[in-house]
Amino acid sequence: MPAGDPFSSAEHAALDATIRRAEQLCRMEFSIFVGNAEGEPRDFATSLHNTLVAPSRSILVMVDPTRRVLEIVTGNYVRRTLTDREVELAALHMQQDFAAGDLAGGLRRGIEMLAEHARPPRTLHAKA
């Protein structure tokens, strides 16, 4: 594990696989930042989100383990299907895993929950 990297290579691989599945499920972009937030955490997370390729279709999960801060920023398009309440629920589950010492597992579970909730509703088409 590189110095300062909170994840093993197996955890990196599992996170990458989780992100790929999540993006396929909901057709949104996921990004994770784990490190020291500069300044106010929400402002820092928002500035990171704004630098993404497609911020409107993106979900950024920012964790500052030192300050014990979790921020989730969603784009305008994402908010059409993902409510603030659903984001709060995912954050709560992530924080429980983080408190138990499972940073990678908490991120995986949170991303899975966010993707499931962000998925556009299924529509039924009746043939005429």
Protein backbone atom coordinates (compact mmCIF):
# COMPACT_ATOMS: atom_id res chain seq x y z
CA MET A 1 0.00 0.00 0.00
CA PRO A 2 1.53 3.38 -0.98
CA ALA A 3 2.23 5.80 1.85
CA GLY A 4 -0.90 7.71 2.73
CA ASP A 5 -3.15 5.42 0.68
CA PRO A 6 -5.95 4.13 2.92
CA PHE A 7 -6.77 1.23 0.57
CA SER A 8 -5.06 -2.03 -0.31
CA SER A 9 -4.85 -3.06 -3.96
CA ALA A 10 -7.75 -5.49 -3.40
CA GLU A 11 -9.86 -2.69 -1.93
CA HIS A 12 -9.01 -0.45 -4.91
CA ALA A 13 -10.09 -3.20 -7.29
CA ALA A 14 -13.34 -3.76 -5.38
CA LEU A 15 -14.11 -0.02 -5.36
CA ASP A 16 -13.41 0.24 -9.09
CA ALA A 17 -15.73 -2.70 -9.78
CA THR A 18 -18.44 -1.19 -7.58
CA ILE A 19 -18.18 2.15 -9.40
CA ARG A 20 -18.39 0.44 -12.82
CA ARG A 21 -21.52 -1.49 -11.79
CA ALA A 22 -23.08 1.63 -10.27
CA GLU A 23 -22.47 3.69 -13.40
CA GLN A 24 -23.97 0.97 -15.58
CA LEU A 25 -27.02 0.70 -13.33
CA CYS A 26 -27.97 4.37 -13.12
CA ARG A 27 -26.07 5.90 -16.05
CA MET A 28 -24.51 8.53 -13.80
CA GLU A 29 -20.81 9.20 -13.15
CA PHE A 30 -19.30 8.42 -9.73
CA SER A 31 -16.14 9.93 -8.26
CA ILE A 32 -14.52 9.37 -4.88
CA PHE A 33 -12.09 11.62 -3.06
CA VAL A 34 -10.49 10.40 0.15
CA GLY A 35 -8.07 12.84 1.72
CA ASN A 36 -7.74 16.15 3.48
CA ALA A 37 -10.38 18.69 2.58
CA GLU A 38 -8.97 22.17 2.14
CA GLY A 39 -11.01 24.78 3.99
CA GLU A 40 -14.73 24.23 4.52
CA PRO A 41 -15.49 20.57 3.59
CA ARG A 42 -18.75 21.28 1.70
CA ASP A 43 -17.13 24.06 -0.34
CA PHE A 44 -14.14 21.83 -1.09
CA ALA A 45 -16.38 18.93 -2.18
CA THR A 46 -18.45 21.25 -4.37
CA SER A 47 -15.32 22.66 -6.02
CA LEU A 48 -14.10 19.12 -6.74
CA HIS A 49 -17.50 18.21 -8.18
CA ASN A 50 -17.43 21.26 -10.45
CA THR A 51 -14.13 20.09 -12.01
CA LEU A 52 -15.59 16.76 -13.16
CA VAL A 53 -16.14 16.13 -16.87
CA ALA A 54 -19.94 16.04 -16.55
CA PRO A 55 -20.86 17.58 -13.19
CA SER A 56 -24.59 17.62 -13.95
CA ARG A 57 -24.57 13.81 -14.33
CA SER A 58 -22.07 13.18 -11.52
CA ILE A 59 -22.08 12.08 -7.90
CA LEU A 60 -19.01 12.92 -5.84
CA VAL A 61 -18.32 11.23 -2.52
CA MET A 62 -15.69 13.08 -0.49
CA VAL A 63 -14.31 11.64 2.74
CA ASP A 64 -11.84 13.39 4.99
CA PRO A 65 -10.89 10.66 7.49
CA THR A 66 -8.77 13.02 9.60
CA ARG A 67 -11.64 15.44 10.21
CA ARG A 68 -14.24 12.64 10.11
CA VAL A 69 -16.22 14.39 7.39
CA LEU A 70 -18.36 12.92 4.62
CA GLU A 71 -19.83 15.06 1.85
CA ILE A 72 -21.88 13.85 -1.12
CA VAL A 73 -22.42 16.28 -3.98
CA THR A 74 -24.89 15.55 -6.78
CA GLY A 75 -25.40 17.30 -10.10
CA ASN A 76 -28.63 18.82 -11.42
CA TYR A 77 -29.45 15.88 -13.69
CA VAL A 78 -28.78 13.39 -10.88
CA ARG A 79 -31.22 15.20 -8.59
CA ARG A 80 -34.07 14.35 -10.97
CA THR A 81 -34.06 10.80 -9.62
CA LEU A 82 -31.95 10.97 -6.43
CA THR A 83 -33.51 12.85 -3.51
CA ASP A 84 -31.70 14.52 -0.63
CA ARG A 85 -33.35 12.00 1.71
CA GLU A 86 -31.91 9.08 -0.27
CA VAL A 87 -28.46 10.71 -0.17
CA GLU A 88 -28.79 11.16 3.61
CA LEU A 89 -29.74 7.50 4.01
CA ALA A 90 -26.71 6.35 2.01
CA ALA A 91 -24.49 8.70 4.04
CA LEU A 92 -25.84 7.28 7.30
CA HIS A 93 -25.00 3.72 6.22
CA MET A 94 -21.56 4.79 5.07
CA GLN A 95 -20.85 6.53 8.38
CA GLN A 96 -21.83 3.38 10.28
CA ASP A 97 -19.28 1.36 8.30
CA PHE A 98 -16.65 4.09 8.70
CA ALA A 99 -17.20 4.10 12.49
CA ALA A 100 -16.64 0.33 12.47
CA GLY A 101 -13.30 0.90 10.71
CA ASP A 102 -14.40 -0.20 7.22
CA LEU A 103 -13.72 2.77 4.94
CA ALA A 104 -13.68 0.78 1.69
CA GLY A 105 -16.75 -1.26 2.62
CA GLY A 106 -18.66 1.87 3.59
CA LEU A 107 -17.83 3.52 0.28
CA ARG A 108 -18.89 0.42 -1.66
CA ARG A 109 -22.18 0.14 0.22
CA GLY A 110 -22.91 3.85 -0.16
CA ILE A 111 -22.16 3.87 -3.88
CA GLU A 112 -24.41 0.85 -4.39
CA MET A 113 -27.24 2.56 -2.50
CA LEU A 114 -26.81 5.84 -4.38
CA ALA A 115 -26.81 4.04 -7.74
CA GLU A 116 -29.92 2.06 -6.88
CA HIS A 117 -31.79 5.22 -5.89
CA ALA A 118 -30.43 7.27 -8.82
CA ARG A 119 -31.60 4.70 -11.34
CA PRO A 120 -34.35 6.15 -13.53
CA PRO A 121 -37.75 4.62 -12.82
CA ARG A 122 -38.68 1.66 -14.94
CA THR A 123 -41.52 2.30 -17.31
CA LEU A 124 -44.04 -0.13 -18.63
CA HIS A 125 -45.10 0.33 -22.22
CA ALA A 126 -48.37 -1.15 -23.32
CA LYS A 127 -48.62 -2.21 -26.92
CA ALA A 128 -51.61 -0.78 -28.71
